[in-house]
Amino acid sequence: MKISVDHDRCEGHGLCAVQAPAVFDLDDDAHVVHQFEGGTVPPEHVEAARSAVNVCPVAALRELT
């Protein structure tokens, strides 16, 4: 699974980092950092990553097929 991040849409709520801390984090300026951006999320983190996509209040995350 791959996830794209719309950095312009992200408002830094941090819910993705709460749901999937091994996949997402916020930098010092509250911008989302995607640990696997451009790559595949490892199978052990897929469930948490999907939860993060679903919980984003501004739909800045999207699962790619």
N, C-alpha and C. Protein backbone atom coordinates (compact mmCIF):
# COMPACT_ATOMS: atom_id res chain seq x y z
N MET A 1 0.84 -1.18 0.00
CA MET A 1 0.00 0.00 0.00
C MET A 1 0.88 1.24 0.00
N LYS A 2 0.43 2.23 -0.74
CA LYS A 2 1.10 3.53 -0.75
C LYS A 2 0.09 4.60 -0.36
N ILE A 3 0.59 5.65 0.26
CA ILE A 3 -0.26 6.76 0.68
C ILE A 3 0.36 8.04 0.16
N SER A 4 -0.48 8.88 -0.42
CA SER A 4 0.01 10.20 -0.83
C SER A 4 -0.44 11.22 0.22
N VAL A 5 0.37 12.24 0.37
CA VAL A 5 0.07 13.32 1.31
C VAL A 5 -0.05 14.61 0.52
N ASP A 6 -1.17 15.28 0.67
CA ASP A 6 -1.34 16.61 0.08
C ASP A 6 -0.85 17.61 1.12
N HIS A 7 0.41 17.98 1.00
CA HIS A 7 1.03 18.86 2.01
C HIS A 7 0.37 20.24 2.05
N ASP A 8 -0.18 20.68 0.92
CA ASP A 8 -0.87 21.98 0.92
C ASP A 8 -2.18 21.93 1.69
N ARG A 9 -2.82 20.78 1.68
CA ARG A 9 -4.11 20.62 2.36
C ARG A 9 -3.92 20.37 3.87
N CYS A 10 -2.83 19.74 4.24
CA CYS A 10 -2.58 19.38 5.64
C CYS A 10 -2.57 20.62 6.52
N GLU A 11 -3.28 20.54 7.64
CA GLU A 11 -3.35 21.64 8.60
C GLU A 11 -2.62 21.32 9.90
N GLY A 12 -1.95 20.17 9.95
CA GLY A 12 -1.14 19.84 11.11
C GLY A 12 -1.92 19.41 12.34
N HIS A 13 -3.09 18.83 12.16
CA HIS A 13 -3.88 18.37 13.31
C HIS A 13 -3.17 17.25 14.06
N GLY A 14 -2.41 16.42 13.36
CA GLY A 14 -1.62 15.37 13.99
C GLY A 14 -2.35 14.08 14.28
N LEU A 15 -3.60 13.96 13.85
CA LEU A 15 -4.34 12.73 14.11
C LEU A 15 -3.72 11.54 13.39
N CYS A 16 -3.10 11.78 12.24
CA CYS A 16 -2.42 10.69 11.53
C CYS A 16 -1.26 10.14 12.36
N ALA A 17 -0.53 11.03 13.01
CA ALA A 17 0.59 10.61 13.83
C ALA A 17 0.13 9.84 15.07
N VAL A 18 -1.04 10.17 15.56
CA VAL A 18 -1.60 9.44 16.70
C VAL A 18 -2.02 8.04 16.27
N GLN A 19 -2.68 7.95 15.10
CA GLN A 19 -3.17 6.67 14.60
C GLN A 19 -2.05 5.76 14.12
N ALA A 20 -1.02 6.34 13.50
CA ALA A 20 0.05 5.53 12.90
C ALA A 20 1.41 6.20 13.13
N PRO A 21 1.89 6.17 14.36
CA PRO A 21 3.14 6.87 14.69
C PRO A 21 4.37 6.32 13.97
N ALA A 22 4.33 5.08 13.51
CA ALA A 22 5.47 4.54 12.76
C ALA A 22 5.45 5.00 11.31
N VAL A 23 4.33 5.56 10.88
CA VAL A 23 4.19 5.98 9.49
C VAL A 23 4.22 7.50 9.36
N PHE A 24 3.59 8.21 10.29
CA PHE A 24 3.48 9.67 10.21
C PHE A 24 4.02 10.33 11.46
N ASP A 25 4.50 11.54 11.26
CA ASP A 25 4.96 12.37 12.36
C ASP A 25 4.72 13.82 11.94
N LEU A 26 4.84 14.72 12.86
CA LEU A 26 4.79 16.14 12.55
C LEU A 26 6.15 16.75 12.84
N ASP A 27 6.62 17.62 11.95
CA ASP A 27 7.89 18.28 12.20
C ASP A 27 7.67 19.46 13.14
N ASP A 28 8.70 20.23 13.39
CA ASP A 28 8.62 21.34 14.34
C ASP A 28 7.64 22.43 13.90
N ASP A 29 7.33 22.47 12.60
CA ASP A 29 6.39 23.46 12.09
C ASP A 29 4.99 22.89 11.89
N ALA A 30 4.72 21.72 12.46
CA ALA A 30 3.43 21.02 12.37
C ALA A 30 3.10 20.60 10.95
N HIS A 31 4.11 20.28 10.16
CA HIS A 31 3.90 19.73 8.83
C HIS A 31 4.06 18.22 8.92
N VAL A 32 3.18 17.50 8.23
CA VAL A 32 3.22 16.04 8.29
C VAL A 32 4.49 15.52 7.61
N VAL A 33 5.07 14.53 8.25
CA VAL A 33 6.22 13.81 7.71
C VAL A 33 5.77 12.37 7.53
N HIS A 34 5.83 11.90 6.28
CA HIS A 34 5.42 10.54 5.95
C HIS A 34 6.70 9.71 5.81
N GLN A 35 6.90 8.77 6.71
CA GLN A 35 8.15 8.00 6.76
C GLN A 35 8.39 7.17 5.49
N PHE A 36 7.34 6.84 4.75
CA PHE A 36 7.47 5.97 3.58
C PHE A 36 7.02 6.68 2.31
N GLU A 37 7.02 8.02 2.30
CA GLU A 37 6.55 8.76 1.13
C GLU A 37 7.32 8.33 -0.11
N GLY A 38 6.59 8.01 -1.16
CA GLY A 38 7.20 7.54 -2.39
C GLY A 38 7.49 6.05 -2.38
N GLY A 39 7.24 5.41 -1.23
CA GLY A 39 7.49 3.99 -1.11
C GLY A 39 6.27 3.27 -0.56
N THR A 40 6.44 2.01 -0.37
CA THR A 40 5.34 1.17 0.11
C THR A 40 5.36 1.10 1.63
N VAL A 41 4.20 1.27 2.23
CA VAL A 41 4.06 1.12 3.68
C VAL A 41 4.20 -0.37 3.99
N PRO A 42 5.09 -0.73 4.91
CA PRO A 42 5.27 -2.14 5.25
C PRO A 42 3.97 -2.78 5.76
N PRO A 43 3.79 -4.07 5.47
CA PRO A 43 2.54 -4.76 5.83
C PRO A 43 2.15 -4.61 7.30
N GLU A 44 3.11 -4.57 8.18
CA GLU A 44 2.79 -4.48 9.61
C GLU A 44 2.22 -3.12 10.01
N HIS A 45 2.29 -2.12 9.12
CA HIS A 45 1.78 -0.78 9.41
C HIS A 45 0.57 -0.41 8.58
N VAL A 46 0.12 -1.31 7.70
CA VAL A 46 -0.98 -0.99 6.79
C VAL A 46 -2.28 -0.67 7.53
N GLU A 47 -2.65 -1.46 8.49
CA GLU A 47 -3.91 -1.22 9.21
C GLU A 47 -3.91 0.15 9.89
N ALA A 48 -2.82 0.48 10.57
CA ALA A 48 -2.72 1.78 11.23
C ALA A 48 -2.71 2.91 10.20
N ALA A 49 -2.02 2.71 9.09
CA ALA A 49 -1.96 3.74 8.04
C ALA A 49 -3.35 4.00 7.46
N ARG A 50 -4.12 2.95 7.24
CA ARG A 50 -5.49 3.12 6.74
C ARG A 50 -6.34 3.89 7.75
N SER A 51 -6.16 3.61 9.02
CA SER A 51 -6.88 4.35 10.05
C SER A 51 -6.52 5.82 10.01
N ALA A 52 -5.25 6.10 9.78
CA ALA A 52 -4.80 7.50 9.69
C ALA A 52 -5.43 8.21 8.50
N VAL A 53 -5.51 7.53 7.37
CA VAL A 53 -6.15 8.11 6.18
C VAL A 53 -7.60 8.45 6.50
N ASN A 54 -8.29 7.54 7.17
CA ASN A 54 -9.71 7.74 7.47
C ASN A 54 -9.98 8.81 8.51
N VAL A 55 -9.04 9.06 9.39
CA VAL A 55 -9.26 10.00 10.48
C VAL A 55 -8.86 11.44 10.13
N CYS A 56 -8.14 11.63 9.04
CA CYS A 56 -7.68 12.98 8.69
C CYS A 56 -8.88 13.91 8.46
N PRO A 57 -9.01 14.99 9.23
CA PRO A 57 -10.19 15.84 9.13
C PRO A 57 -10.23 16.70 7.87
N VAL A 58 -9.11 16.83 7.17
CA VAL A 58 -9.09 17.65 5.95
C VAL A 58 -8.79 16.82 4.71
N ALA A 59 -8.82 15.51 4.84
CA ALA A 59 -8.59 14.60 3.71
C ALA A 59 -7.27 14.88 2.99
N ALA A 60 -6.22 15.11 3.77
CA ALA A 60 -4.90 15.36 3.18
C ALA A 60 -4.17 14.06 2.84
N LEU A 61 -4.69 12.94 3.29
CA LEU A 61 -4.07 11.64 3.04
C LEU A 61 -4.96 10.83 2.11
N ARG A 62 -4.32 10.09 1.21
CA ARG A 62 -5.09 9.27 0.28
C ARG A 62 -4.35 7.98 0.00
N GLU A 63 -5.06 6.88 0.10
CA GLU A 63 -4.47 5.59 -0.23
C GLU A 63 -4.43 5.45 -1.74
N LEU A 64 -3.26 5.08 -2.26
CA LEU A 64 -3.09 4.88 -3.69
C LEU A 64 -3.28 3.41 -4.02
N THR A 65 -3.87 3.14 -5.16
CA THR A 65 -4.06 1.74 -5.56
C THR A 65 -3.09 1.37 -6.66
